[in-house]
Amino acid sequence: QVQLVESGGGLVQAGGSLRLSCAASGRTSGAYPMAWFRQAPGKEREFVVAINWRGTRTPYSDSVKGRFTISRNNGKNAWYLQMNNLKPEDTGVYYCAAYRPHATTIVADESFSDWVKTAVFDSWGQGTQVTVSS
């Protein structure tokens, strides 16, 4: 059983920054895609960004492109989301997710963006609240 734990959420003013972290524990392969999703109040959960196992492909949603940066540390079984220039519409619960972390999943770089659109991430953290005040 793989467990994911997020940290780093909080309250910040518009234009500010936050850095979220996600740590995976348990039996993992070390070579699996990771992602961040978020859910705003009253809305469905939405994709934010994903990262392949080598960190060479990082497709972002248009709403965060240029402001958020995902990274990962395979040695620590962790990944991060640096969020800059935050806006009130970024408010929500942020979830980290992993795709089959117990297995090795290697997607060709050129295919990763399309693969993410239909991938079903099956391991999730409990979520961390991010609130951006105007």
Foldseek 3Di string as FASTA:
>chain_A
DKAKAKDWADEEAAQAKIKMKIAIDDQFPLFWKKFKWWDDPPGDIGGAWIAGSVRPDIDGDPVQPPFKDKDADSVRRMIMIIGGRDDQVVWGWMKMFIARRNDHDDDPRVCVVVCVVPGDTDYMHPTDTHGYHD
